[in-house]
Structures are given as C-alpha cells and as structure tokens.
Amino acid sequence: MALVVDGNEIETTATGFLADINAWNEEVAKTIAGEEGVELTERHWDLINYLREEFINNGGNQPNNRAILKAMSDKWGSKISSKELYDLFPGNPSKQAGQIGGLPESRRKGGY
C-alpha cells in the first residue's frame, strides 16, 4: 500500500502504518489523520509528539493508555479520563495516535 502526500508516494504496511518512520512529517500526519477522520488540534499534536519522543528517544517504547493518561494529565495540568483520550483518537489512543505519528504498529495487547 502507499500514501500520496504532496505528490510523493510513501510506502505503508497493509494496516496503514508507515513502512519507514523517517518518511514522516507533519503533512504526512495530516494526511493520515484525514483518512482516519481525525481533525488535529493542539492536544492531538501533544499526544502524537509524546509518542514519537518516547519511541525515538526511549528505545522504541510505545506507551500504553495508562502511561499516556498520566503523561497528558501532567502536560495539560489536570487529571484527564480515558474517555477524553478516546474523544481525541476514537480508534484507540495509543495505536491511532501512533499511526498518525508515523510509528510502527504496536503489537502490545490491551490498554493497560
């Protein structure tokens, strides 16, 4: 499969994740988000950037929903609920945000 962004073809896996993390940029993210029906806001970008930071700078770590809840609560200055994360990324926050962020598909099971 492939994704076309600004006239460039970017290879994806059969499940829609980027084949090469280095092919990612904000335009790629916006294109994937559009296909997923997600309109990106500042909070979406906070979560996407957090997941990318964890993966790239923390040995391939892909945080689960519990870790995301804690990190975003700290970042946004108030305790948030799982529902708030699912309002942002209805397709599962850790997986859908990771996909939009150009990360490999998580093989982890469950949200906790």
N, C-alpha and C. Protein backbone atom coordinates (compact mmCIF):
# COMPACT_ATOMS: atom_id res chain seq x y z
N MET A 1 0.84 -1.18 0.00
CA MET A 1 0.00 0.00 0.00
C MET A 1 0.88 1.24 0.00
N ALA A 2 0.27 2.36 -0.34
CA ALA A 2 1.03 3.60 -0.35
C ALA A 2 0.11 4.77 -0.03
N LEU A 3 0.72 5.82 0.43
CA LEU A 3 0.05 7.05 0.79
C LEU A 3 0.66 8.13 -0.09
N VAL A 4 -0.16 8.99 -0.66
CA VAL A 4 0.37 10.06 -1.50
C VAL A 4 0.24 11.39 -0.75
N VAL A 5 1.40 12.03 -0.53
CA VAL A 5 1.44 13.30 0.19
C VAL A 5 2.26 14.27 -0.64
N ASP A 6 1.64 15.38 -1.01
CA ASP A 6 2.32 16.41 -1.83
C ASP A 6 2.97 15.81 -3.08
N GLY A 7 2.27 14.86 -3.71
CA GLY A 7 2.76 14.25 -4.92
C GLY A 7 3.79 13.16 -4.72
N ASN A 8 4.18 12.90 -3.49
CA ASN A 8 5.15 11.85 -3.19
C ASN A 8 4.44 10.62 -2.67
N GLU A 9 4.86 9.46 -3.14
CA GLU A 9 4.28 8.21 -2.69
C GLU A 9 5.10 7.68 -1.51
N ILE A 10 4.39 7.41 -0.42
CA ILE A 10 5.04 6.93 0.81
C ILE A 10 4.51 5.53 1.10
N GLU A 11 5.42 4.59 1.24
CA GLU A 11 5.03 3.19 1.45
C GLU A 11 4.45 2.99 2.85
N THR A 12 3.35 2.22 2.88
CA THR A 12 2.73 1.85 4.16
C THR A 12 2.56 0.34 4.22
N THR A 13 2.30 -0.13 5.43
CA THR A 13 2.03 -1.56 5.61
C THR A 13 0.59 -1.84 5.21
N ALA A 14 0.21 -3.09 5.22
CA ALA A 14 -1.16 -3.49 4.88
C ALA A 14 -2.18 -2.88 5.84
N THR A 15 -1.74 -2.55 7.05
CA THR A 15 -2.66 -1.97 8.04
C THR A 15 -2.59 -0.44 8.09
N GLY A 16 -1.84 0.18 7.18
CA GLY A 16 -1.82 1.63 7.06
C GLY A 16 -0.77 2.36 7.86
N PHE A 17 0.16 1.64 8.47
CA PHE A 17 1.25 2.27 9.20
C PHE A 17 2.41 2.52 8.24
N LEU A 18 3.19 3.56 8.50
CA LEU A 18 4.33 3.85 7.62
C LEU A 18 5.34 2.72 7.67
N ALA A 19 5.87 2.37 6.51
CA ALA A 19 6.90 1.34 6.42
C ALA A 19 8.24 1.87 6.93
N ASP A 20 8.44 3.19 6.83
CA ASP A 20 9.70 3.82 7.25
C ASP A 20 9.38 5.03 8.11
N ILE A 21 9.74 4.99 9.39
CA ILE A 21 9.46 6.09 10.32
C ILE A 21 10.06 7.40 9.83
N ASN A 22 11.15 7.33 9.06
CA ASN A 22 11.82 8.53 8.58
C ASN A 22 11.06 9.24 7.46
N ALA A 23 10.03 8.60 6.93
CA ALA A 23 9.22 9.22 5.88
C ALA A 23 8.17 10.16 6.47
N TRP A 24 8.07 10.23 7.79
CA TRP A 24 7.04 11.00 8.47
C TRP A 24 7.40 12.48 8.53
N ASN A 25 6.38 13.32 8.37
CA ASN A 25 6.46 14.74 8.68
C ASN A 25 5.03 15.20 8.99
N GLU A 26 4.85 16.46 9.30
CA GLU A 26 3.52 16.93 9.70
C GLU A 26 2.49 16.80 8.58
N GLU A 27 2.90 16.96 7.35
CA GLU A 27 1.96 16.81 6.23
C GLU A 27 1.50 15.36 6.10
N VAL A 28 2.42 14.43 6.33
CA VAL A 28 2.06 13.01 6.33
C VAL A 28 1.05 12.75 7.45
N ALA A 29 1.32 13.32 8.62
CA ALA A 29 0.40 13.15 9.76
C ALA A 29 -0.98 13.68 9.42
N LYS A 30 -1.04 14.85 8.82
CA LYS A 30 -2.33 15.45 8.47
C LYS A 30 -3.07 14.59 7.45
N THR A 31 -2.35 14.00 6.52
CA THR A 31 -2.97 13.14 5.52
C THR A 31 -3.53 11.88 6.16
N ILE A 32 -2.75 11.23 7.02
CA ILE A 32 -3.22 10.02 7.70
C ILE A 32 -4.41 10.37 8.59
N ALA A 33 -4.32 11.48 9.33
CA ALA A 33 -5.41 11.89 10.20
C ALA A 33 -6.69 12.12 9.40
N GLY A 34 -6.56 12.74 8.25
CA GLY A 34 -7.73 12.97 7.39
C GLY A 34 -8.38 11.66 6.97
N GLU A 35 -7.55 10.69 6.61
CA GLU A 35 -8.08 9.37 6.23
C GLU A 35 -8.73 8.67 7.42
N GLU A 36 -8.26 8.97 8.63
CA GLU A 36 -8.81 8.37 9.85
C GLU A 36 -10.01 9.15 10.38
N GLY A 37 -10.30 10.31 9.77
CA GLY A 37 -11.41 11.12 10.23
C GLY A 37 -11.10 11.90 11.50
N VAL A 38 -9.82 12.20 11.72
CA VAL A 38 -9.39 12.93 12.91
C VAL A 38 -8.91 14.31 12.49
N GLU A 39 -9.52 15.35 13.08
CA GLU A 39 -9.08 16.72 12.83
C GLU A 39 -8.10 17.10 13.93
N LEU A 40 -6.85 17.35 13.56
CA LEU A 40 -5.78 17.56 14.53
C LEU A 40 -5.85 18.92 15.21
N THR A 41 -5.84 18.89 16.55
CA THR A 41 -5.80 20.09 17.37
C THR A 41 -4.48 20.08 18.14
N GLU A 42 -4.27 21.11 18.96
CA GLU A 42 -3.04 21.18 19.75
C GLU A 42 -2.91 19.96 20.68
N ARG A 43 -4.02 19.51 21.24
CA ARG A 43 -3.96 18.34 22.12
C ARG A 43 -3.59 17.07 21.35
N HIS A 44 -4.09 16.94 20.13
CA HIS A 44 -3.70 15.81 19.29
C HIS A 44 -2.18 15.82 19.08
N TRP A 45 -1.65 17.00 18.74
CA TRP A 45 -0.21 17.11 18.48
C TRP A 45 0.59 16.82 19.75
N ASP A 46 0.09 17.26 20.92
CA ASP A 46 0.78 16.94 22.18
C ASP A 46 0.94 15.44 22.33
N LEU A 47 -0.11 14.71 22.10
CA LEU A 47 -0.08 13.26 22.25
C LEU A 47 0.79 12.59 21.19
N ILE A 48 0.66 13.03 19.95
CA ILE A 48 1.48 12.48 18.86
C ILE A 48 2.97 12.72 19.16
N ASN A 49 3.31 13.95 19.54
CA ASN A 49 4.71 14.27 19.83
C ASN A 49 5.24 13.50 21.03
N TYR A 50 4.39 13.29 22.04
CA TYR A 50 4.79 12.49 23.20
C TYR A 50 5.12 11.06 22.76
N LEU A 51 4.26 10.45 21.94
CA LEU A 51 4.50 9.08 21.48
C LEU A 51 5.76 8.99 20.64
N ARG A 52 5.97 9.96 19.77
CA ARG A 52 7.18 9.97 18.94
C ARG A 52 8.43 10.12 19.81
N GLU A 53 8.38 11.02 20.77
CA GLU A 53 9.51 11.23 21.68
C GLU A 53 9.84 9.94 22.43
N GLU A 54 8.83 9.28 22.95
CA GLU A 54 9.04 8.03 23.69
C GLU A 54 9.66 6.96 22.79
N PHE A 55 9.14 6.83 21.59
CA PHE A 55 9.62 5.79 20.68
C PHE A 55 11.05 6.08 20.22
N ILE A 56 11.29 7.29 19.78
CA ILE A 56 12.58 7.64 19.19
C ILE A 56 13.68 7.76 20.24
N ASN A 57 13.36 8.36 21.38
CA ASN A 57 14.39 8.65 22.38
C ASN A 57 14.38 7.72 23.58
N ASN A 58 13.53 6.69 23.56
CA ASN A 58 13.43 5.80 24.71
C ASN A 58 13.41 4.34 24.26
N GLY A 59 14.27 4.02 23.33
CA GLY A 59 14.47 2.63 22.93
C GLY A 59 13.27 1.94 22.32
N GLY A 60 12.46 2.66 21.57
CA GLY A 60 11.32 2.02 20.92
C GLY A 60 10.12 1.84 21.83
N ASN A 61 10.10 2.55 22.96
CA ASN A 61 8.98 2.45 23.90
C ASN A 61 7.68 2.93 23.25
N GLN A 62 6.62 2.14 23.39
CA GLN A 62 5.30 2.51 22.91
C GLN A 62 4.36 2.48 24.11
N PRO A 63 4.16 3.64 24.76
CA PRO A 63 3.37 3.70 25.99
C PRO A 63 1.95 3.18 25.81
N ASN A 64 1.44 2.55 26.86
CA ASN A 64 0.05 2.11 26.83
C ASN A 64 -0.85 3.27 27.26
N ASN A 65 -2.16 3.05 27.24
CA ASN A 65 -3.10 4.12 27.54
C ASN A 65 -2.93 4.67 28.96
N ARG A 66 -2.60 3.83 29.90
CA ARG A 66 -2.40 4.30 31.28
C ARG A 66 -1.23 5.29 31.35
N ALA A 67 -0.13 4.96 30.70
CA ALA A 67 1.03 5.85 30.68
C ALA A 67 0.70 7.15 29.94
N ILE A 68 -0.08 7.04 28.87
CA ILE A 68 -0.48 8.23 28.12
C ILE A 68 -1.36 9.13 28.99
N LEU A 69 -2.30 8.53 29.72
CA LEU A 69 -3.16 9.31 30.61
C LEU A 69 -2.32 10.12 31.60
N LYS A 70 -1.35 9.47 32.22
CA LYS A 70 -0.51 10.15 33.20
C LYS A 70 0.30 11.28 32.55
N ALA A 71 0.92 10.99 31.42
CA ALA A 71 1.75 11.99 30.75
C ALA A 71 0.94 13.19 30.28
N MET A 72 -0.24 12.95 29.72
CA MET A 72 -1.06 14.05 29.22
C MET A 72 -1.69 14.83 30.37
N SER A 73 -2.04 14.14 31.46
CA SER A 73 -2.55 14.84 32.64
C SER A 73 -1.48 15.80 33.17
N ASP A 74 -0.24 15.33 33.21
CA ASP A 74 0.87 16.18 33.66
C ASP A 74 1.06 17.36 32.70
N LYS A 75 1.03 17.09 31.41
CA LYS A 75 1.25 18.14 30.41
C LYS A 75 0.15 19.18 30.41
N TRP A 76 -1.09 18.71 30.52
CA TRP A 76 -2.24 19.62 30.42
C TRP A 76 -2.66 20.20 31.76
N GLY A 77 -2.02 19.77 32.85
CA GLY A 77 -2.25 20.38 34.15
C GLY A 77 -3.53 19.99 34.86
N SER A 78 -4.19 18.93 34.40
CA SER A 78 -5.38 18.44 35.11
C SER A 78 -5.55 16.97 34.79
N LYS A 79 -6.16 16.27 35.73
CA LYS A 79 -6.38 14.83 35.54
C LYS A 79 -7.38 14.62 34.42
N ILE A 80 -7.02 13.79 33.46
CA ILE A 80 -7.93 13.51 32.35
C ILE A 80 -8.40 12.06 32.41
N SER A 81 -9.45 11.80 31.70
CA SER A 81 -10.02 10.45 31.70
C SER A 81 -9.69 9.74 30.40
N SER A 82 -9.88 8.44 30.43
CA SER A 82 -9.72 7.63 29.22
C SER A 82 -10.66 8.12 28.13
N LYS A 83 -11.85 8.50 28.52
CA LYS A 83 -12.84 9.00 27.55
C LYS A 83 -12.30 10.20 26.78
N GLU A 84 -11.58 11.09 27.48
CA GLU A 84 -11.02 12.25 26.81
C GLU A 84 -9.99 11.85 25.75
N LEU A 85 -9.20 10.81 26.05
CA LEU A 85 -8.24 10.33 25.05
C LEU A 85 -8.97 9.71 23.86
N TYR A 86 -10.02 8.94 24.15
CA TYR A 86 -10.78 8.32 23.07
C TYR A 86 -11.58 9.34 22.27
N ASP A 87 -11.92 10.48 22.89
CA ASP A 87 -12.56 11.57 22.13
C ASP A 87 -11.58 12.13 21.11
N LEU A 88 -10.30 12.17 21.48
CA LEU A 88 -9.26 12.65 20.55
C LEU A 88 -8.96 11.62 19.47
N PHE A 89 -8.78 10.37 19.89
CA PHE A 89 -8.41 9.29 18.98
C PHE A 89 -9.34 8.11 19.19
N PRO A 90 -10.51 8.11 18.53
CA PRO A 90 -11.52 7.06 18.76
C PRO A 90 -11.04 5.65 18.40
N GLY A 91 -10.02 5.55 17.56
CA GLY A 91 -9.54 4.24 17.13
C GLY A 91 -8.52 3.63 18.08
N ASN A 92 -8.46 4.05 19.31
CA ASN A 92 -7.55 3.63 20.38
C ASN A 92 -6.38 4.62 20.40
N PRO A 93 -6.30 5.42 21.46
CA PRO A 93 -5.30 6.49 21.51
C PRO A 93 -3.87 6.04 21.22
N SER A 94 -3.40 4.97 21.84
CA SER A 94 -2.01 4.59 21.63
C SER A 94 -1.76 4.12 20.20
N LYS A 95 -2.70 3.42 19.63
CA LYS A 95 -2.49 2.88 18.27
C LYS A 95 -2.77 3.92 17.19
N GLN A 96 -3.91 4.61 17.27
CA GLN A 96 -4.26 5.57 16.22
C GLN A 96 -3.32 6.77 16.24
N ALA A 97 -2.99 7.28 17.43
CA ALA A 97 -2.05 8.40 17.51
C ALA A 97 -0.66 7.97 17.02
N GLY A 98 -0.28 6.73 17.33
CA GLY A 98 0.99 6.22 16.84
C GLY A 98 1.02 6.11 15.32
N GLN A 99 -0.09 5.67 14.76
CA GLN A 99 -0.18 5.57 13.30
C GLN A 99 -0.07 6.95 12.66
N ILE A 100 -0.80 7.91 13.19
CA ILE A 100 -0.74 9.28 12.66
C ILE A 100 0.66 9.86 12.88
N GLY A 101 1.32 9.45 13.96
CA GLY A 101 2.67 9.92 14.26
C GLY A 101 3.76 9.20 13.50
N GLY A 102 3.39 8.28 12.62
CA GLY A 102 4.38 7.60 11.78
C GLY A 102 5.13 6.48 12.46
N LEU A 103 4.64 6.02 13.61
CA LEU A 103 5.32 4.96 14.35
C LEU A 103 4.90 3.58 13.85
N PRO A 104 5.72 2.56 14.12
CA PRO A 104 5.33 1.20 13.74
C PRO A 104 4.10 0.75 14.53
N GLU A 105 3.39 -0.20 13.97
CA GLU A 105 2.21 -0.73 14.65
C GLU A 105 2.61 -1.42 15.94
N SER A 106 1.91 -1.11 17.00
CA SER A 106 2.18 -1.73 18.30
C SER A 106 1.64 -3.16 18.31
N ARG A 107 2.41 -4.05 18.84
CA ARG A 107 2.00 -5.45 18.96
C ARG A 107 1.48 -5.75 20.36
N ARG A 108 1.49 -4.72 21.20
CA ARG A 108 1.04 -4.84 22.58
C ARG A 108 -0.47 -5.07 22.61
N LYS A 109 -0.93 -5.85 23.56
CA LYS A 109 -2.36 -6.12 23.71
C LYS A 109 -2.90 -5.33 24.89
N GLY A 110 -4.12 -4.85 24.75
CA GLY A 110 -4.79 -4.17 25.87
C GLY A 110 -4.28 -2.76 26.09
N GLY A 111 -5.06 -2.00 26.85
CA GLY A 111 -4.72 -0.61 27.13
C GLY A 111 -3.92 -0.41 28.39
N TYR A 112 -3.85 -1.43 29.21
CA TYR A 112 -3.12 -1.31 30.48
C TYR A 112 -2.09 -2.38 30.51
